[in-house]
Amino acid sequence: MFHNPLRTLWDEGEGAINGWLSIGNSFVAEIMAAQGFDSLTIDLQHGALDYADALAMFQAMRASGAAPLARVPWLDPGAIMKALDAGAYGVICPMVSTAAEAARFVACLRYPPLGTRSFGPTRVGIAAGPGYFAGANGLVVGFAMIETAEAMANLEAICATPGLDGVYIGPADLTLGVTGGRLAPGFDREEPEMVAAIDRILATAKAAGLRAGIHCGGPEYAAAALGRGFDLVTVSNDVRLLAAAAGASVARTRALAGREGRAAGLASY
């Protein structure tokens, strides 16, 4: 059976660089997978894609050796188990705000006796190779997203959940949760209250023996997060990378042609 590259990296004391897939297209997934990411996450929550797209994207990513992950739409057993059956080696679950929710999430990830996952590894049983059932509980990783004021109030209890592998910070929703909407959502937070919240999540996860992940807007913040001790850092996503590269190419061409004054047609995503 295939190993999980994330677990290998972590065992070696390294952090993982994660890519993020929001475009429902297998060729886009294949292109991203060829760029050297340690893992790639298909975003089934906010991405412009559905389950059929995700299945083809997992297939396209397989040859790269990057760990295939999925962010599911919500804490829904069916969605979590179906993502695993499609080929996810790890699941990021949004809006986990209590220890009870974290325990329900963990149960969905593991086959009995460690959980309640239903058996039916339709694709992953082929993709991961023989013996998937015997090794699945140790293969799959689960990250609970810490994004709400309620989650911050219950942080220690969430991190104490047996079987949880890690917590993942979604800075945009965390900002809304911590500040009540006083600050606009976004990545790469530098405000003292947000830095304090992020530091607290990281420290609490480490004290509980969990891995910690964070969504970043760019390489500089991601590299700094790895230096601070994060175990998984997401560097932007396919939409933002495509928009940035295309915009830079057009702007450079206009500059060289002496046409800098013409405005771009669309705002940045």
C-alpha atoms as a PDB file:
ATOM      1  CA  MET A   1       0.000   0.000   0.000  1.00  0.00           C
ATOM      2  CA  PHE A   2       1.140   3.562  -0.677  1.00  0.00           C
ATOM      3  CA  HIS A   3       2.515   5.537   2.267  1.00  0.00           C
ATOM      4  CA  ASN A   4       1.338   9.002   3.229  1.00  0.00           C
ATOM      5  CA  PRO A   5       4.105  11.464   2.288  1.00  0.00           C
ATOM      6  CA  LEU A   6       2.965  13.857   5.012  1.00  0.00           C
ATOM      7  CA  ARG A   7       3.612  11.345   7.757  1.00  0.00           C
ATOM      8  CA  THR A   8       7.069  10.648   6.306  1.00  0.00           C
ATOM      9  CA  LEU A   9       7.943  14.340   6.248  1.00  0.00           C
ATOM     10  CA  TRP A  10       6.732  14.857   9.786  1.00  0.00           C
ATOM     11  CA  ASP A  11       8.658  11.826  11.031  1.00  0.00           C
ATOM     12  CA  GLU A  12      11.774  13.435   9.552  1.00  0.00           C
ATOM     13  CA  GLY A  13      11.048  16.700  11.365  1.00  0.00           C
ATOM     14  CA  GLU A  14      10.077  18.608   8.218  1.00  0.00           C
ATOM     15  CA  GLY A  15       7.070  20.780   7.463  1.00  0.00           C
ATOM     16  CA  ALA A  16       4.982  20.310   4.326  1.00  0.00           C
ATOM     17  CA  ILE A  17       4.273  22.825   1.569  1.00  0.00           C
ATOM     18  CA  ASN A  18       0.673  22.382   0.500  1.00  0.00           C
ATOM     19  CA  GLY A  19      -0.994  23.469  -2.730  1.00  0.00           C
ATOM     20  CA  TRP A  20      -4.668  24.381  -2.965  1.00  0.00           C
ATOM     21  CA  LEU A  21      -7.011  23.453  -5.797  1.00  0.00           C
ATOM     22  CA  SER A  22     -10.165  25.506  -6.313  1.00  0.00           C
ATOM     23  CA  ILE A  23     -10.597  25.009 -10.073  1.00  0.00           C
ATOM     24  CA  GLY A  24     -12.528  21.872 -10.938  1.00  0.00           C
ATOM     25  CA  ASN A  25     -10.293  20.595 -13.704  1.00  0.00           C
ATOM     26  CA  SER A  26      -8.028  17.546 -13.826  1.00  0.00           C
ATOM     27  CA  PHE A  27      -5.456  19.228 -16.076  1.00  0.00           C
ATOM     28  CA  VAL A  28      -5.109  22.135 -13.650  1.00  0.00           C
ATOM     29  CA  ALA A  29      -4.629  19.587 -10.855  1.00  0.00           C
ATOM     30  CA  GLU A  30      -2.004  17.766 -12.908  1.00  0.00           C
ATOM     31  CA  ILE A  31      -0.132  21.004 -13.603  1.00  0.00           C
ATOM     32  CA  MET A  32      -0.152  21.979  -9.927  1.00  0.00           C
ATOM     33  CA  ALA A  33       0.925  18.482  -8.902  1.00  0.00           C
ATOM     34  CA  ALA A  34       3.988  18.735 -11.148  1.00  0.00           C
ATOM     35  CA  GLN A  35       5.301  21.836  -9.356  1.00  0.00           C
ATOM     36  CA  GLY A  36       6.834  20.115  -6.343  1.00  0.00           C
ATOM     37  CA  PHE A  37       4.214  20.539  -3.626  1.00  0.00           C
ATOM     38  CA  ASP A  38       4.421  18.028  -0.770  1.00  0.00           C
ATOM     39  CA  SER A  39       0.618  17.805  -0.718  1.00  0.00           C
ATOM     40  CA  LEU A  40      -2.339  19.172  -2.639  1.00  0.00           C
ATOM     41  CA  THR A  41      -5.770  19.919  -1.211  1.00  0.00           C
ATOM     42  CA  ILE A  42      -8.920  19.822  -3.318  1.00  0.00           C
ATOM     43  CA  ASP A  43     -11.328  22.425  -1.942  1.00  0.00           C
ATOM     44  CA  LEU A  44     -14.805  20.925  -1.906  1.00  0.00           C
ATOM     45  CA  GLN A  45     -16.072  23.682   0.390  1.00  0.00           C
ATOM     46  CA  HIS A  46     -15.433  26.881  -1.571  1.00  0.00           C
ATOM     47  CA  GLY A  47     -13.882  25.562  -4.763  1.00  0.00           C
ATOM     48  CA  ALA A  48     -15.648  25.739  -8.135  1.00  0.00           C
ATOM     49  CA  LEU A  49     -15.970  21.963  -8.338  1.00  0.00           C
ATOM     50  CA  ASP A  50     -17.997  18.950  -7.287  1.00  0.00           C
ATOM     51  CA  TYR A  51     -17.347  15.288  -6.411  1.00  0.00           C
ATOM     52  CA  ALA A  52     -16.983  14.161 -10.040  1.00  0.00           C
ATOM     53  CA  ASP A  53     -14.366  16.859 -10.600  1.00  0.00           C
ATOM     54  CA  ALA A  54     -12.528  15.857  -7.427  1.00  0.00           C
ATOM     55  CA  LEU A  55     -12.376  12.201  -8.449  1.00  0.00           C
ATOM     56  CA  ALA A  56     -10.707  13.055 -11.766  1.00  0.00           C
ATOM     57  CA  MET A  57      -8.385  15.508 -10.011  1.00  0.00           C
ATOM     58  CA  PHE A  58      -7.215  12.832  -7.573  1.00  0.00           C
ATOM     59  CA  GLN A  59      -6.450  10.603 -10.553  1.00  0.00           C
ATOM     60  CA  ALA A  60      -4.482  13.373 -12.265  1.00  0.00           C
ATOM     61  CA  MET A  61      -2.441  14.052  -9.112  1.00  0.00           C
ATOM     62  CA  ARG A  62      -1.490  10.447  -8.435  1.00  0.00           C
ATOM     63  CA  ALA A  63       1.732  10.281 -10.471  1.00  0.00           C
ATOM     64  CA  SER A  64       3.255  13.292  -8.692  1.00  0.00           C
ATOM     65  CA  GLY A  65       3.772  11.605  -5.342  1.00  0.00           C
ATOM     66  CA  ALA A  66       2.196  14.551  -3.508  1.00  0.00           C
ATOM     67  CA  ALA A  67      -0.162  13.613  -0.686  1.00  0.00           C
ATOM     68  CA  PRO A  68      -3.769  14.000  -1.917  1.00  0.00           C
ATOM     69  CA  LEU A  69      -5.974  15.884   0.546  1.00  0.00           C
ATOM     70  CA  ALA A  70      -9.492  17.302   0.516  1.00  0.00           C
ATOM     71  CA  ARG A  71     -11.253  20.050   2.375  1.00  0.00           C
ATOM     72  CA  VAL A  72     -14.804  18.837   2.735  1.00  0.00           C
ATOM     73  CA  PRO A  73     -17.806  21.176   2.639  1.00  0.00           C
ATOM     74  CA  TRP A  74     -18.769  20.642   6.279  1.00  0.00           C
ATOM     75  CA  LEU A  75     -18.763  18.185   9.163  1.00  0.00           C
ATOM     76  CA  ASP A  76     -20.862  15.708   7.221  1.00  0.00           C
ATOM     77  CA  PRO A  77     -20.058  11.981   7.548  1.00  0.00           C
ATOM     78  CA  GLY A  78     -21.125  11.197   3.993  1.00  0.00           C
ATOM     79  CA  ALA A  79     -18.945  13.903   2.460  1.00  0.00           C
ATOM     80  CA  ILE A  80     -15.926  12.952   4.587  1.00  0.00           C
ATOM     81  CA  MET A  81     -16.164   9.236   3.844  1.00  0.00           C
ATOM     82  CA  LYS A  82     -16.806   9.808   0.145  1.00  0.00           C
ATOM     83  CA  ALA A  83     -13.697  12.038  -0.118  1.00  0.00           C
ATOM     84  CA  LEU A  84     -11.641   9.286   1.505  1.00  0.00           C
ATOM     85  CA  ASP A  85     -13.111   6.642  -0.807  1.00  0.00           C
ATOM     86  CA  ALA A  86     -12.235   8.845  -3.789  1.00  0.00           C
ATOM     87  CA  GLY A  87      -8.582   8.894  -2.788  1.00  0.00           C
ATOM     88  CA  ALA A  88      -7.932  11.528  -0.112  1.00  0.00           C
ATOM     89  CA  TYR A  89      -5.121  10.607   2.256  1.00  0.00           C
ATOM     90  CA  GLY A  90      -6.172  13.419   4.541  1.00  0.00           C
ATOM     91  CA  VAL A  91      -9.214  15.559   5.262  1.00  0.00           C
ATOM     92  CA  ILE A  92      -9.449  19.168   6.422  1.00  0.00           C
ATOM     93  CA  CYS A  93     -12.809  19.795   8.075  1.00  0.00           C
ATOM     94  CA  PRO A  94     -14.097  23.385   8.339  1.00  0.00           C
ATOM     95  CA  MET A  95     -15.810  25.101  11.255  1.00  0.00           C
ATOM     96  CA  VAL A  96     -15.018  22.615  14.031  1.00  0.00           C
ATOM     97  CA  SER A  97     -15.986  24.570  17.142  1.00  0.00           C
ATOM     98  CA  THR A  98     -16.347  22.036  19.964  1.00  0.00           C
ATOM     99  CA  ALA A  99     -14.692  18.890  21.259  1.00  0.00           C
ATOM    100  CA  ALA A 100     -17.840  16.942  20.430  1.00  0.00           C
ATOM    101  CA  GLU A 101     -17.630  18.073  16.801  1.00  0.00           C
ATOM    102  CA  ALA A 102     -13.940  17.164  16.697  1.00  0.00           C
ATOM    103  CA  ALA A 103     -14.767  13.685  18.027  1.00  0.00           C
ATOM    104  CA  ARG A 104     -17.459  13.214  15.357  1.00  0.00           C
ATOM    105  CA  PHE A 105     -14.963  14.261  12.710  1.00  0.00           C
ATOM    106  CA  VAL A 106     -12.347  11.787  13.919  1.00  0.00           C
ATOM    107  CA  ALA A 107     -14.908   8.973  13.973  1.00  0.00           C
ATOM    108  CA  CYS A 108     -15.633   9.551  10.276  1.00  0.00           C
ATOM    109  CA  LEU A 109     -11.952   9.113   9.400  1.00  0.00           C
ATOM    110  CA  ARG A 110     -11.335   5.697  10.977  1.00  0.00           C
ATOM    111  CA  TYR A 111     -12.678   2.236  10.389  1.00  0.00           C
ATOM    112  CA  PRO A 112     -13.919   0.305  13.459  1.00  0.00           C
ATOM    113  CA  PRO A 113     -12.865  -0.178  16.164  1.00  0.00           C
ATOM    114  CA  LEU A 114     -11.318   3.314  16.077  1.00  0.00           C
ATOM    115  CA  GLY A 115     -14.226   5.031  14.337  1.00  0.00           C
ATOM    116  CA  THR A 116     -17.404   4.635  12.353  1.00  0.00           C
ATOM    117  CA  ARG A 117     -16.175   4.943   8.768  1.00  0.00           C
ATOM    118  CA  SER A 118     -18.235   2.823   6.388  1.00  0.00           C
ATOM    119  CA  PHE A 119     -16.303   0.373   4.226  1.00  0.00           C
ATOM    120  CA  GLY A 120     -16.378   1.001   0.490  1.00  0.00           C
ATOM    121  CA  PRO A 121     -13.011   2.311  -0.773  1.00  0.00           C
ATOM    122  CA  THR A 122     -14.189   2.436  -4.378  1.00  0.00           C
ATOM    123  CA  ARG A 123     -11.204   4.217  -5.926  1.00  0.00           C
ATOM    124  CA  VAL A 124      -8.693   4.469  -3.098  1.00  0.00           C
ATOM    125  CA  GLY A 125      -8.682   0.684  -2.760  1.00  0.00           C
ATOM    126  CA  ILE A 126      -7.182   0.608  -6.257  1.00  0.00           C
ATOM    127  CA  ALA A 127      -5.044   3.734  -6.033  1.00  0.00           C
ATOM    128  CA  ALA A 128      -3.517   2.915  -2.638  1.00  0.00           C
ATOM    129  CA  GLY A 129      -2.950  -0.724  -3.519  1.00  0.00           C
ATOM    130  CA  PRO A 130      -3.648  -4.004  -1.769  1.00  0.00           C
ATOM    131  CA  GLY A 131      -4.234  -3.989   1.965  1.00  0.00           C
ATOM    132  CA  TYR A 132      -5.929  -0.596   2.140  1.00  0.00           C
ATOM    133  CA  PHE A 133      -8.315  -1.610   4.914  1.00  0.00           C
ATOM    134  CA  ALA A 134      -5.506  -2.883   7.145  1.00  0.00           C
ATOM    135  CA  GLY A 135      -3.480   0.310   6.817  1.00  0.00           C
ATOM    136  CA  ALA A 136      -6.099   3.009   6.292  1.00  0.00           C
ATOM    137  CA  ASN A 137      -6.466   4.088   9.920  1.00  0.00           C
ATOM    138  CA  GLY A 138      -2.750   4.845  10.090  1.00  0.00           C
ATOM    139  CA  LEU A 139      -2.607   6.337   6.605  1.00  0.00           C
ATOM    140  CA  VAL A 140      -5.317   8.995   6.813  1.00  0.00           C
ATOM    141  CA  VAL A 141      -4.714  12.317   8.567  1.00  0.00           C
ATOM    142  CA  GLY A 142      -7.425  14.646   9.847  1.00  0.00           C
ATOM    143  CA  PHE A 143      -7.203  18.398  10.468  1.00  0.00           C
ATOM    144  CA  ALA A 144      -9.957  20.283  12.287  1.00  0.00           C
ATOM    145  CA  MET A 145     -10.194  23.893  11.165  1.00  0.00           C
ATOM    146  CA  ILE A 146     -10.126  26.472  13.955  1.00  0.00           C
ATOM    147  CA  GLU A 147     -12.103  29.406  12.588  1.00  0.00           C
ATOM    148  CA  THR A 148     -14.659  30.652  15.113  1.00  0.00           C
ATOM    149  CA  ALA A 149     -14.846  32.436  18.446  1.00  0.00           C
ATOM    150  CA  GLU A 150     -16.452  29.290  19.856  1.00  0.00           C
ATOM    151  CA  ALA A 151     -13.540  27.179  18.641  1.00  0.00           C
ATOM    152  CA  MET A 152     -11.094  29.545  20.342  1.00  0.00           C
ATOM    153  CA  ALA A 153     -13.040  29.204  23.593  1.00  0.00           C
ATOM    154  CA  ASN A 154     -12.892  25.408  23.261  1.00  0.00           C
ATOM    155  CA  LEU A 155      -9.389  25.191  21.814  1.00  0.00           C
ATOM    156  CA  GLU A 156      -7.771  23.082  24.524  1.00  0.00           C
ATOM    157  CA  ALA A 157     -10.665  20.608  24.531  1.00  0.00           C
ATOM    158  CA  ILE A 158     -10.611  20.308  20.733  1.00  0.00           C
ATOM    159  CA  CYS A 159      -6.865  19.658  20.737  1.00  0.00           C
ATOM    160  CA  ALA A 160      -7.324  16.965  23.395  1.00  0.00           C
ATOM    161  CA  THR A 161      -9.591  14.930  21.080  1.00  0.00           C
ATOM    162  CA  PRO A 162      -8.237  11.355  20.779  1.00  0.00           C
ATOM    163  CA  GLY A 163      -7.308  10.452  17.219  1.00  0.00           C
ATOM    164  CA  LEU A 164      -7.186  14.009  15.879  1.00  0.00           C
ATOM    165  CA  ASP A 165      -3.982  14.562  13.899  1.00  0.00           C
ATOM    166  CA  GLY A 166      -3.923  18.323  13.736  1.00  0.00           C
ATOM    167  CA  VAL A 167      -5.627  21.686  13.570  1.00  0.00           C
ATOM    168  CA  TYR A 168      -5.674  23.983  10.567  1.00  0.00           C
ATOM    169  CA  ILE A 169      -6.025  27.756  10.675  1.00  0.00           C
ATOM    170  CA  GLY A 170      -8.260  29.445   8.141  1.00  0.00           C
ATOM    171  CA  PRO A 171      -7.158  33.060   8.726  1.00  0.00           C
ATOM    172  CA  ALA A 172     -10.087  34.644   6.903  1.00  0.00           C
ATOM    173  CA  ASP A 173     -12.855  33.076   8.976  1.00  0.00           C
ATOM    174  CA  LEU A 174     -10.694  33.150  12.102  1.00  0.00           C
ATOM    175  CA  THR A 175     -10.394  36.908  11.676  1.00  0.00           C
ATOM    176  CA  LEU A 176     -14.166  37.222  11.417  1.00  0.00           C
ATOM    177  CA  GLY A 177     -14.587  35.010  14.479  1.00  0.00           C
ATOM    178  CA  VAL A 178     -11.988  36.711  16.658  1.00  0.00           C
ATOM    179  CA  THR A 179     -12.874  40.298  15.736  1.00  0.00           C
ATOM    180  CA  GLY A 180     -16.590  39.881  15.068  1.00  0.00           C
ATOM    181  CA  GLY A 181     -16.163  41.318  11.583  1.00  0.00           C
ATOM    182  CA  ARG A 182     -14.309  44.409  12.779  1.00  0.00           C
ATOM    183  CA  LEU A 183     -11.380  43.382  10.560  1.00  0.00           C
ATOM    184  CA  ALA A 184     -11.914  42.274   6.992  1.00  0.00           C
ATOM    185  CA  PRO A 185     -11.168  38.605   6.214  1.00  0.00           C
ATOM    186  CA  GLY A 186      -7.862  37.809   4.558  1.00  0.00           C
ATOM    187  CA  PHE A 187      -4.600  35.900   4.790  1.00  0.00           C
ATOM    188  CA  ASP A 188      -1.143  36.672   6.220  1.00  0.00           C
ATOM    189  CA  ARG A 189      -2.389  38.451   9.342  1.00  0.00           C
ATOM    190  CA  GLU A 190      -0.043  40.860  11.074  1.00  0.00           C
ATOM    191  CA  GLU A 191      -2.458  42.570  13.497  1.00  0.00           C
ATOM    192  CA  PRO A 192      -1.351  41.961  17.106  1.00  0.00           C
ATOM    193  CA  GLU A 193      -4.661  40.366  18.141  1.00  0.00           C
ATOM    194  CA  MET A 194      -4.572  37.991  15.172  1.00  0.00           C
ATOM    195  CA  VAL A 195      -0.913  37.139  15.683  1.00  0.00           C
ATOM    196  CA  ALA A 196      -1.753  36.354  19.313  1.00  0.00           C
ATOM    197  CA  ALA A 197      -4.660  34.110  18.270  1.00  0.00           C
ATOM    198  CA  ILE A 198      -2.530  32.264  15.717  1.00  0.00           C
ATOM    199  CA  ASP A 199       0.313  31.842  18.213  1.00  0.00           C
ATOM    200  CA  ARG A 200      -2.109  30.468  20.782  1.00  0.00           C
ATOM    201  CA  ILE A 201      -3.500  27.893  18.347  1.00  0.00           C
ATOM    202  CA  LEU A 202       0.007  26.802  17.358  1.00  0.00           C
ATOM    203  CA  ALA A 203       1.192  26.524  20.964  1.00  0.00           C
ATOM    204  CA  THR A 204      -1.922  24.647  22.088  1.00  0.00           C
ATOM    205  CA  ALA A 205      -1.649  22.176  19.223  1.00  0.00           C
ATOM    206  CA  LYS A 206       2.018  21.513  19.934  1.00  0.00           C
ATOM    207  CA  ALA A 207       1.377  21.055  23.645  1.00  0.00           C
ATOM    208  CA  ALA A 208      -1.233  18.417  22.769  1.00  0.00           C
ATOM    209  CA  GLY A 209       1.120  16.616  20.369  1.00  0.00           C
ATOM    210  CA  LEU A 210      -0.844  17.674  17.276  1.00  0.00           C
ATOM    211  CA  ARG A 211       0.269  18.977  13.915  1.00  0.00           C
ATOM    212  CA  ALA A 212      -0.583  22.563  13.004  1.00  0.00           C
ATOM    213  CA  GLY A 213      -1.410  23.924   9.558  1.00  0.00           C
ATOM    214  CA  ILE A 214      -2.174  27.387   8.237  1.00  0.00           C
ATOM    215  CA  HIS A 215      -3.469  28.888   5.006  1.00  0.00           C
ATOM    216  CA  CYS A 216      -1.092  31.546   3.658  1.00  0.00           C
ATOM    217  CA  GLY A 217      -1.365  34.127   0.928  1.00  0.00           C
ATOM    218  CA  GLY A 218       2.230  34.021  -0.268  1.00  0.00           C
ATOM    219  CA  PRO A 219       5.673  32.384   0.024  1.00  0.00           C
ATOM    220  CA  GLU A 220       7.133  34.836   2.534  1.00  0.00           C
ATOM    221  CA  TYR A 221       4.432  34.294   5.134  1.00  0.00           C
ATOM    222  CA  ALA A 222       4.440  30.533   4.479  1.00  0.00           C
ATOM    223  CA  ALA A 223       8.210  30.283   4.958  1.00  0.00           C
ATOM    224  CA  ALA A 224       7.963  32.282   8.175  1.00  0.00           C
ATOM    225  CA  ALA A 225       5.181  29.965   9.381  1.00  0.00           C
ATOM    226  CA  LEU A 226       7.377  26.942   8.789  1.00  0.00           C
ATOM    227  CA  GLY A 227      10.091  28.667  10.796  1.00  0.00           C
ATOM    228  CA  ARG A 228       7.630  29.230  13.643  1.00  0.00           C
ATOM    229  CA  GLY A 229       6.915  25.506  13.804  1.00  0.00           C
ATOM    230  CA  PHE A 230       3.888  24.945  11.581  1.00  0.00           C
ATOM    231  CA  ASP A 231       3.793  21.459  10.089  1.00  0.00           C
ATOM    232  CA  LEU A 232       1.791  22.291   6.966  1.00  0.00           C
ATOM    233  CA  VAL A 233       1.586  25.603   5.123  1.00  0.00           C
ATOM    234  CA  THR A 234      -0.671  26.299   2.169  1.00  0.00           C
ATOM    235  CA  VAL A 235       0.806  28.677  -0.394  1.00  0.00           C
ATOM    236  CA  SER A 236      -2.016  30.574  -2.113  1.00  0.00           C
ATOM    237  CA  ASN A 237      -4.273  28.595  -4.509  1.00  0.00           C
ATOM    238  CA  ASP A 238      -4.589  27.847  -8.202  1.00  0.00           C
ATOM    239  CA  VAL A 239      -7.031  30.721  -8.805  1.00  0.00           C
ATOM    240  CA  ARG A 240      -4.841  33.375  -7.201  1.00  0.00           C
ATOM    241  CA  LEU A 241      -1.657  31.997  -8.786  1.00  0.00           C
ATOM    242  CA  LEU A 242      -3.225  31.979 -12.249  1.00  0.00           C
ATOM    243  CA  ALA A 243      -4.606  35.496 -11.800  1.00  0.00           C
ATOM    244  CA  ALA A 244      -1.296  36.828 -10.477  1.00  0.00           C
ATOM    245  CA  ALA A 245       0.805  35.265 -13.250  1.00  0.00           C
ATOM    246  CA  ALA A 246      -1.592  36.343 -16.002  1.00  0.00           C
ATOM    247  CA  GLY A 247      -1.908  39.849 -14.592  1.00  0.00           C
ATOM    248  CA  ALA A 248       1.859  40.233 -14.268  1.00  0.00           C
ATOM    249  CA  SER A 249       2.380  39.023 -17.832  1.00  0.00           C
ATOM    250  CA  VAL A 250      -0.179  41.446 -19.256  1.00  0.00           C
ATOM    251  CA  ALA A 251       1.155  44.351 -17.170  1.00  0.00           C
ATOM    252  CA  ARG A 252       4.725  43.647 -18.276  1.00  0.00           C
ATOM    253  CA  THR A 253       3.674  43.459 -21.914  1.00  0.00           C
ATOM    254  CA  ARG A 254       1.772  46.759 -21.633  1.00  0.00           C
ATOM    255  CA  ALA A 255       4.763  48.383 -19.976  1.00  0.00           C
ATOM    256  CA  LEU A 256       7.155  47.231 -22.692  1.00  0.00           C
ATOM    257  CA  ALA A 257       4.711  48.381 -25.366  1.00  0.00           C
ATOM    258  CA  GLY A 258       4.213  51.761 -23.702  1.00  0.00           C
ATOM    259  CA  ARG A 259       0.558  51.102 -22.884  1.00  0.00           C
ATOM    260  CA  GLU A 260       0.664  51.168 -19.076  1.00  0.00           C
ATOM    261  CA  GLY A 261      -2.297  53.532 -18.808  1.00  0.00           C
ATOM    262  CA  ARG A 262      -4.926  50.988 -19.815  1.00  0.00           C
ATOM    263  CA  ALA A 263      -6.684  49.488 -16.763  1.00  0.00           C
ATOM    264  CA  ALA A 264      -7.149  45.794 -16.190  1.00  0.00           C
ATOM    265  CA  GLY A 265     -10.588  44.441 -17.038  1.00  0.00           C
ATOM    266  CA  LEU A 266     -11.260  42.645 -13.746  1.00  0.00           C
ATOM    267  CA  ALA A 267     -10.290  43.169 -10.133  1.00  0.00           C
ATOM    268  CA  SER A 268      -7.936  40.649  -8.526  1.00  0.00           C
ATOM    269  CA  TYR A 269      -9.522  37.677  -6.831  1.00  0.00           C
END
